[in-house]
Amino acid sequence: MLKNWFRYLIILLCTTAFYICFSGYYSLYAILACLALPVLSLLLSLPAMLTLRLYLESPEAPQNKGESFSLRLTASHRSPLPCGRAWAAVNGLNQFTGDRCQGRVEFTPSRQPLAVEYQASSDLCGLLCFRLDRVWVCDLLGLVSLPVRLRKGGGFCQTLILPNVHRPVMGLEEEAAPEGDGQRYSLRRPGSDPTELFGLREYQPGDRLNRVDWKLSQKTGAILVREGSLPVSDRVVLLASFDGEAQEADSCMDVLATVHHFLAAWEAGHLVCFPSVQGLAALEVQEPEEAPAVVQGVLLMAERGSPAPDFESLPGGASHILYLCAQPDRAVLGALREKYPEGKLTVLHCRPGEALSPDVESRQVRPSHIAQDLEGLLL
């Protein structure tokens, strides 16, 4: 706008010099017209400037990290007369990591809705909220500007940035269910549950006679014994602690999404736990179709920081507990061991740390080498 005033002052000086050097009707008309132009421009543009409306929209579908997506800014006014240029500052805030971004959009609104696209992207996952700030509109000459009052909700939108899901080679082992209350039975090992038949084998000294299948034994000519099935528990507890810096919290979310999708693909029931505003939240996963919704739920509800070491609300009977964090918390480790004394405890951390107790498996996961560092992990 300073450039426009500089140009106008040059024109005004020229018309003034013309009036001084060539006194007459033409020079008088020229200087009067030059003095009246700013007032006339403001009067013609004022109805459109006062009725300008802006709406900011974002994609409804979640976006991937690092990929560009478009925000649509729709502008229109109700006046039949035109107005000058307008500009707005677009501020973005990642609710999960606290990362901020800022941009600027310039456009010339008209009576018909004008759609302007603004390209945005984020290298960190989370809920990305965009807001229009400092919106101004000028008159036709660009000499006078007025702030635009945004309607409630018109200058705000949000989109979800998903974490990266890596494909490392990991394994899933079967664990005998505590107290025989597993949700499924092993296909490789027999057990002591007589309600489910694992298979038949020949009689061995010491086998109970009530397990002999006499009808099949009579048909085959050999004494066959029914073997019971082994109840197994594939419940894995994923406890995520989004402490540390923004990049570390983002890396923990990538690790959580990677392990979570692996377990869901193998139809292994597991529990995803994380700190939220209302305390420790827990999302149970039983079907592969639930995996995307759980990741989105964590991004929407999770709070930065370490969870309180109070796990009374969590169900027992877990075969494997994975603690994802930037740096292990001794109090959380002690509470997990007290809650799950028979479960396998694994810590996946971002920072190099001191050695933990021998019964705890520890593995450092570097932010830029997540797939390599998770290679060979046995869940």
Protein backbone atom coordinates (compact mmCIF):
# COMPACT_ATOMS: atom_id res chain seq x y z
CA MET A 1 0.00 0.00 0.00
CA LEU A 2 2.97 2.35 0.54
CA LYS A 3 3.88 1.92 -3.12
CA ASN A 4 0.38 3.05 -4.13
CA TRP A 5 0.65 6.16 -1.94
CA PHE A 6 4.08 6.94 -3.41
CA ARG A 7 2.69 6.70 -6.93
CA TYR A 8 -0.31 8.83 -6.04
CA LEU A 9 1.90 11.53 -4.52
CA ILE A 10 4.01 11.61 -7.67
CA ILE A 11 0.87 12.10 -9.77
CA LEU A 12 -0.34 14.81 -7.37
CA LEU A 13 2.99 16.63 -7.61
CA CYS A 14 2.86 16.48 -11.39
CA THR A 15 -0.68 17.89 -11.54
CA THR A 16 0.28 20.59 -9.04
CA ALA A 17 3.27 21.59 -11.17
CA PHE A 18 1.04 21.59 -14.26
CA TYR A 19 -1.43 23.89 -12.51
CA ILE A 20 1.35 26.31 -11.41
CA CYS A 21 3.03 26.47 -14.80
CA PHE A 22 -0.07 26.46 -16.99
CA SER A 23 -2.84 28.32 -15.20
CA GLY A 24 -6.21 27.55 -16.80
CA TYR A 25 -9.31 25.41 -16.79
CA TYR A 26 -7.55 22.21 -17.86
CA SER A 27 -4.91 22.40 -15.15
CA LEU A 28 -7.57 23.22 -12.54
CA TYR A 29 -9.71 20.26 -13.59
CA ALA A 30 -6.67 18.00 -13.49
CA ILE A 31 -5.64 18.90 -9.95
CA LEU A 32 -9.25 18.72 -8.67
CA ALA A 33 -9.71 15.31 -10.25
CA CYS A 34 -6.45 14.11 -8.70
CA LEU A 35 -7.55 15.30 -5.24
CA ALA A 36 -10.98 13.68 -5.62
CA LEU A 37 -9.71 10.26 -6.77
CA PRO A 38 -8.99 8.78 -3.27
CA VAL A 39 -12.40 9.86 -1.96
CA LEU A 40 -14.19 8.54 -5.05
CA SER A 41 -12.28 5.25 -4.90
CA LEU A 42 -13.19 4.74 -1.24
CA LEU A 43 -16.88 5.55 -1.79
CA LEU A 44 -17.14 3.11 -4.69
CA SER A 45 -15.29 0.32 -2.87
CA LEU A 46 -16.78 0.75 0.60
CA PRO A 47 -19.97 -1.37 0.08
CA ALA A 48 -17.92 -4.29 -1.20
CA MET A 49 -15.30 -3.88 1.52
CA LEU A 50 -17.93 -3.96 4.27
CA THR A 51 -19.79 -7.00 2.89
CA LEU A 52 -16.75 -9.17 2.15
CA ARG A 53 -17.13 -12.75 3.43
CA LEU A 54 -14.40 -15.38 3.68
CA TYR A 55 -14.61 -19.16 4.23
CA LEU A 56 -11.61 -21.44 4.74
CA GLU A 57 -11.97 -25.16 3.94
CA SER A 58 -9.57 -28.08 4.30
CA PRO A 59 -9.66 -31.64 2.89
CA GLU A 60 -11.98 -33.95 4.79
CA ALA A 61 -9.78 -37.02 4.29
CA PRO A 62 -6.65 -37.39 6.44
CA GLN A 63 -3.37 -36.51 4.77
CA ASN A 64 0.07 -38.13 4.85
CA LYS A 65 3.15 -36.52 6.32
CA GLY A 66 5.31 -34.56 3.92
CA GLU A 67 2.69 -34.49 1.15
CA SER A 68 1.23 -31.20 -0.05
CA PHE A 69 -2.52 -30.59 0.19
CA SER A 70 -4.75 -27.65 -0.72
CA LEU A 71 -6.72 -25.32 1.51
CA ARG A 72 -9.56 -23.55 -0.28
CA LEU A 73 -10.30 -19.93 0.55
CA THR A 74 -13.66 -18.76 -0.83
CA ALA A 75 -14.25 -14.97 -0.98
CA SER A 76 -17.30 -12.97 -2.13
CA HIS A 77 -19.12 -9.70 -1.42
CA ARG A 78 -22.70 -8.45 -1.95
CA SER A 79 -22.03 -5.16 -3.70
CA PRO A 80 -22.45 -4.71 -7.49
CA LEU A 81 -19.44 -2.40 -7.38
CA PRO A 82 -15.89 -3.79 -7.31
CA CYS A 83 -13.27 -3.51 -4.60
CA GLY A 84 -9.51 -3.73 -4.50
CA ARG A 85 -7.09 -6.43 -3.45
CA ALA A 86 -7.36 -8.32 -0.18
CA TRP A 87 -4.85 -10.37 1.75
CA ALA A 88 -4.95 -12.71 4.72
CA ALA A 89 -2.42 -14.45 6.96
CA VAL A 90 -2.95 -18.21 7.30
CA ASN A 91 -1.62 -19.59 10.60
CA GLY A 92 -1.38 -23.32 11.27
CA LEU A 93 -0.95 -25.10 14.62
CA ASN A 94 -0.28 -28.79 15.13
CA GLN A 95 -2.28 -29.70 18.23
CA PHE A 96 -0.25 -32.86 18.81
CA THR A 97 3.33 -31.56 18.51
CA GLY A 98 2.80 -27.81 18.96
CA ASP A 99 4.54 -27.08 15.65
CA ARG A 100 3.45 -23.85 13.89
CA CYS A 101 3.43 -22.68 10.27
CA GLN A 102 2.41 -19.44 8.60
CA GLY A 103 1.61 -18.23 5.09
CA ARG A 104 -0.05 -15.38 3.19
CA VAL A 105 -2.81 -15.33 0.58
CA GLU A 106 -3.60 -12.42 -1.77
CA PHE A 107 -6.71 -12.23 -3.97
CA THR A 108 -9.18 -9.85 -5.59
CA PRO A 109 -12.72 -10.68 -4.43
CA SER A 110 -15.79 -10.24 -6.59
CA ARG A 111 -19.53 -10.59 -6.27
CA GLN A 112 -19.34 -14.17 -7.50
CA PRO A 113 -17.58 -16.58 -5.12
CA LEU A 114 -13.87 -16.71 -5.84
CA ALA A 115 -11.95 -19.83 -4.78
CA VAL A 116 -8.24 -19.46 -4.00
CA GLU A 117 -6.08 -22.48 -3.17
CA TYR A 118 -3.33 -22.35 -0.58
CA GLN A 119 -0.78 -25.19 -0.55
CA ALA A 120 0.18 -26.55 2.86
CA SER A 121 2.08 -29.53 4.21
CA SER A 122 3.44 -30.89 7.48
CA ASP A 123 6.41 -33.11 8.32
CA LEU A 124 4.91 -34.01 11.71
CA CYS A 125 1.73 -35.98 12.33
CA GLY A 126 -1.18 -34.62 14.35
CA LEU A 127 -4.31 -32.49 14.06
CA LEU A 128 -3.34 -29.44 12.00
CA CYS A 129 -5.60 -26.43 12.68
CA PHE A 130 -5.61 -23.45 10.30
CA ARG A 131 -6.94 -20.00 11.10
CA LEU A 132 -7.23 -16.76 9.11
CA ASP A 133 -5.60 -13.83 10.90
CA ARG A 134 -5.14 -10.16 9.99
CA VAL A 135 -7.48 -10.07 6.99
CA TRP A 136 -7.49 -6.69 5.21
CA VAL A 137 -9.16 -5.37 2.05
CA CYS A 138 -8.22 -2.25 0.03
CA ASP A 139 -10.15 0.20 -2.11
CA LEU A 140 -9.75 0.31 -5.89
CA LEU A 141 -6.65 2.50 -5.77
CA GLY A 142 -5.09 0.57 -2.89
CA LEU A 143 -4.75 3.68 -0.75
CA VAL A 144 -7.13 2.81 2.11
CA SER A 145 -7.46 -0.61 3.79
CA LEU A 146 -10.01 -1.92 6.29
CA PRO A 147 -9.93 -5.05 8.46
CA VAL A 148 -12.39 -7.81 7.57
CA ARG A 149 -14.52 -9.20 10.35
CA LEU A 150 -14.78 -12.97 9.98
CA ARG A 151 -17.93 -14.86 10.74
CA LYS A 152 -17.83 -17.47 13.49
CA GLY A 153 -16.21 -20.62 12.10
CA GLY A 154 -15.67 -19.12 8.64
CA GLY A 155 -11.95 -18.55 9.08
CA PHE A 156 -11.10 -21.86 10.75
CA CYS A 157 -10.53 -25.39 9.45
CA GLN A 158 -8.54 -28.45 10.42
CA THR A 159 -7.11 -31.58 8.85
CA LEU A 160 -5.51 -34.72 10.25
CA ILE A 161 -1.92 -35.63 9.34
CA LEU A 162 -1.33 -39.38 9.65
CA PRO A 163 1.91 -40.97 10.91
CA ASN A 164 4.11 -43.10 8.71
CA VAL A 165 3.51 -46.85 8.82
CA HIS A 166 6.75 -48.73 8.14
CA ARG A 167 7.01 -52.36 7.06
CA PRO A 168 9.84 -53.96 9.05
CA VAL A 169 10.08 -57.73 9.42
CA MET A 170 8.63 -58.50 12.86
CA GLY A 171 7.38 -61.69 14.46
CA LEU A 172 4.41 -62.67 16.61
CA GLU A 173 4.85 -65.38 19.22
CA GLU A 174 2.16 -67.31 21.04
CA GLU A 175 1.94 -67.06 24.81
CA ALA A 176 -0.05 -69.36 27.02
CA ALA A 177 -3.05 -67.50 28.37
CA PRO A 178 -2.93 -66.96 32.15
CA GLU A 179 -5.50 -69.11 33.95
CA GLY A 180 -6.60 -70.58 30.59
CA ASP A 181 -8.84 -67.67 29.60
CA GLY A 182 -7.39 -66.98 26.15
CA GLN A 183 -9.59 -65.87 23.29
CA ARG A 184 -8.14 -68.41 20.83
CA TYR A 185 -6.21 -71.68 20.78
CA SER A 186 -2.78 -72.55 19.50
CA LEU A 187 -2.48 -74.28 16.14
CA ARG A 188 1.03 -75.60 16.86
CA ARG A 189 1.10 -76.72 20.49
CA PRO A 190 -1.31 -78.91 22.47
CA GLY A 191 -2.59 -77.94 25.88
CA SER A 192 -4.74 -79.07 28.77
CA ASP A 193 -8.09 -77.60 27.74
CA PRO A 194 -10.41 -80.58 27.08
CA THR A 195 -13.17 -78.42 25.61
CA GLU A 196 -11.21 -77.94 22.36
CA LEU A 197 -9.62 -80.83 20.45
CA PHE A 198 -6.06 -80.23 19.24
CA GLY A 199 -5.49 -83.68 17.67
CA LEU A 200 -5.02 -87.41 18.18
CA ARG A 201 -1.83 -89.30 18.98
CA GLU A 202 -0.87 -92.78 20.08
CA TYR A 203 -1.13 -93.77 23.72
CA GLN A 204 1.96 -93.23 25.88
CA PRO A 205 2.57 -94.53 29.39
CA GLY A 206 1.17 -92.09 31.91
CA ASP A 207 -1.74 -90.84 29.76
CA ARG A 208 -5.11 -90.77 31.43
CA LEU A 209 -7.54 -93.42 30.32
CA ASN A 210 -10.44 -90.97 30.15
CA ARG A 211 -8.67 -89.24 27.22
CA VAL A 212 -8.54 -92.40 25.10
CA ASP A 213 -10.88 -92.34 22.09
CA TRP A 214 -12.09 -95.96 22.25
CA LYS A 215 -14.24 -95.84 19.11
CA LEU A 216 -11.41 -94.64 16.84
CA SER A 217 -8.99 -96.96 18.62
CA GLN A 218 -11.23 -99.93 17.81
CA LYS A 219 -11.44 -98.93 14.14
CA THR A 220 -7.71 -98.28 13.66
CA GLY A 221 -6.40 -101.03 15.87
CA ALA A 222 -4.16 -98.61 17.83
CA ILE A 223 -4.89 -96.87 21.11
CA LEU A 224 -5.44 -93.17 20.31
CA VAL A 225 -5.49 -90.37 22.87
CA ARG A 226 -7.28 -87.07 22.45
CA GLU A 227 -5.05 -84.02 23.06
CA GLY A 228 -6.56 -80.85 24.41
CA SER A 229 -5.86 -77.40 23.04
CA LEU A 230 -3.66 -74.71 24.51
CA PRO A 231 -5.42 -71.40 25.21
CA VAL A 232 -3.14 -68.63 24.06
CA SER A 233 -3.24 -64.91 24.65
CA ASP A 234 -2.12 -62.57 21.89
CA ARG A 235 -3.12 -59.47 23.84
CA VAL A 236 -0.36 -56.93 23.56
CA VAL A 237 -0.48 -53.66 25.49
CA LEU A 238 1.01 -50.68 23.67
CA LEU A 239 1.68 -47.88 26.14
CA ALA A 240 2.74 -44.69 24.35
CA SER A 241 4.34 -41.80 26.19
CA PHE A 242 4.54 -38.69 24.00
CA ASP A 243 7.13 -36.88 26.06
CA GLY A 244 10.21 -35.12 24.84
CA GLU A 245 10.48 -32.80 21.87
CA ALA A 246 8.08 -32.55 18.94
CA GLN A 247 10.24 -34.73 16.68
CA GLU A 248 10.48 -37.42 19.36
CA ALA A 249 6.72 -37.42 19.93
CA ASP A 250 6.23 -37.74 16.18
CA SER A 251 8.65 -40.68 16.08
CA CYS A 252 6.83 -42.42 18.95
CA MET A 253 3.61 -42.03 16.98
CA ASP A 254 5.26 -43.61 13.91
CA VAL A 255 6.43 -46.56 16.02
CA LEU A 256 2.98 -46.93 17.56
CA ALA A 257 1.28 -46.90 14.16
CA THR A 258 3.77 -49.42 12.74
CA VAL A 259 3.40 -51.94 15.56
CA HIS A 260 -0.35 -51.38 15.78
CA HIS A 261 -0.93 -52.06 12.06
CA PHE A 262 1.27 -55.16 12.23
CA LEU A 263 -0.74 -56.61 15.10
CA ALA A 264 -4.05 -55.71 13.45
CA ALA A 265 -2.98 -57.35 10.16
CA TRP A 266 -2.27 -60.60 12.06
CA GLU A 267 -5.61 -60.26 13.90
CA ALA A 268 -3.80 -60.17 17.24
CA GLY A 269 -5.92 -58.49 19.87
CA HIS A 270 -4.13 -55.63 21.58
CA LEU A 271 -4.70 -52.52 23.66
CA VAL A 272 -3.43 -49.05 22.75
CA CYS A 273 -2.92 -46.86 25.83
CA PHE A 274 -1.84 -43.21 25.92
CA PRO A 275 -2.18 -40.11 28.14
CA SER A 276 -5.17 -37.85 27.41
CA VAL A 277 -6.89 -34.88 29.02
CA GLN A 278 -9.10 -37.21 31.07
CA GLY A 279 -6.24 -39.44 32.19
CA LEU A 280 -4.99 -42.69 30.72
CA ALA A 281 -7.04 -43.62 27.64
CA ALA A 282 -7.22 -47.18 26.28
CA LEU A 283 -8.48 -48.25 22.85
CA GLU A 284 -9.02 -51.98 22.28
CA VAL A 285 -8.43 -53.49 18.84
CA GLN A 286 -9.89 -56.83 17.78
CA GLU A 287 -10.41 -56.53 14.02
CA PRO A 288 -8.03 -55.28 11.27
CA GLU A 289 -10.68 -52.82 10.10
CA GLU A 290 -10.38 -50.95 13.40
CA ALA A 291 -6.71 -50.03 12.88
CA PRO A 292 -7.13 -46.70 10.98
CA ALA A 293 -9.79 -45.42 13.40
CA VAL A 294 -7.58 -46.19 16.41
CA VAL A 295 -4.62 -44.24 14.98
CA GLN A 296 -6.87 -41.26 14.28
CA GLY A 297 -8.34 -41.51 17.77
CA VAL A 298 -4.88 -41.37 19.34
CA LEU A 299 -3.97 -38.27 17.33
CA LEU A 300 -7.20 -36.53 18.34
CA MET A 301 -7.15 -37.39 22.05
CA ALA A 302 -3.49 -37.78 22.99
CA GLU A 303 -1.72 -35.28 25.22
CA ARG A 304 2.00 -34.60 25.29
CA GLY A 305 3.76 -35.89 28.35
CA SER A 306 4.33 -39.10 30.27
CA PRO A 307 1.37 -41.14 31.60
CA ALA A 308 0.78 -41.32 35.33
CA PRO A 309 1.92 -44.69 36.74
CA ASP A 310 -1.61 -45.73 37.71
CA PHE A 311 -2.79 -48.68 35.62
CA GLU A 312 -5.58 -50.05 37.80
CA SER A 313 -8.14 -49.40 35.07
CA LEU A 314 -6.29 -51.55 32.52
CA PRO A 315 -7.29 -55.20 32.10
CA GLY A 316 -4.84 -57.91 33.08
CA GLY A 317 -3.75 -61.01 31.22
CA ALA A 318 -1.37 -59.37 28.75
CA SER A 319 1.37 -61.51 27.26
CA HIS A 320 3.55 -58.63 26.04
CA ILE A 321 3.80 -54.98 27.09
CA LEU A 322 5.49 -52.44 24.83
CA TYR A 323 6.42 -49.11 26.39
CA LEU A 324 7.03 -46.45 23.69
CA CYS A 325 8.71 -43.28 24.89
CA ALA A 326 11.48 -40.77 24.31
CA GLN A 327 13.18 -41.79 27.57
CA PRO A 328 11.96 -44.53 29.98
CA ASP A 329 10.34 -43.45 33.24
CA ARG A 330 11.38 -45.65 36.18
CA ALA A 331 8.06 -45.12 37.93
CA VAL A 332 6.11 -46.25 34.84
CA LEU A 333 8.34 -49.32 34.43
CA GLY A 334 7.78 -50.30 38.05
CA ALA A 335 4.03 -49.90 37.75
CA LEU A 336 3.95 -51.97 34.55
CA ARG A 337 5.94 -54.77 36.15
CA GLU A 338 3.62 -54.75 39.15
CA LYS A 339 0.53 -54.79 36.90
CA TYR A 340 1.80 -57.52 34.58
CA PRO A 341 4.29 -59.65 36.56
CA GLU A 342 4.12 -62.55 34.08
CA GLY A 343 4.14 -60.49 30.87
CA LYS A 344 7.12 -59.74 28.67
CA LEU A 345 8.15 -56.08 28.94
CA THR A 346 9.85 -54.27 26.04
CA VAL A 347 10.89 -50.61 25.98
CA LEU A 348 11.22 -48.77 22.66
CA HIS A 349 12.85 -45.39 23.25
CA CYS A 350 14.24 -42.59 21.06
CA ARG A 351 17.14 -41.34 23.16
CA PRO A 352 20.24 -43.30 24.14
CA GLY A 353 19.67 -44.28 27.75
CA GLU A 354 21.16 -46.22 30.62
CA ALA A 355 20.76 -49.97 30.92
CA LEU A 356 17.52 -51.27 32.43
CA SER A 357 16.89 -54.37 34.52
CA PRO A 358 17.70 -57.78 32.93
CA ASP A 359 14.02 -58.76 32.65
CA VAL A 360 13.28 -55.73 30.47
CA GLU A 361 14.15 -55.75 26.78
CA SER A 362 15.30 -52.33 25.63
CA ARG A 363 15.69 -51.12 22.04
CA GLN A 364 16.53 -47.65 20.76
CA VAL A 365 14.47 -46.49 17.78
CA ARG A 366 16.05 -43.58 15.93
CA PRO A 367 13.64 -41.14 14.25
CA SER A 368 15.23 -41.53 10.81
CA HIS A 369 15.80 -45.31 11.06
CA ILE A 370 12.53 -46.61 12.47
CA ALA A 371 12.12 -49.47 9.98
CA GLN A 372 15.72 -50.66 10.52
CA ASP A 373 15.57 -50.43 14.33
CA LEU A 374 12.29 -52.39 14.51
CA GLU A 375 13.62 -55.15 12.30
CA GLY A 376 13.36 -58.52 13.99
CA LEU A 377 11.21 -57.36 16.90
CA LEU A 378 9.30 -60.30 18.38
CA LEU A 379 5.89 -59.36 19.79
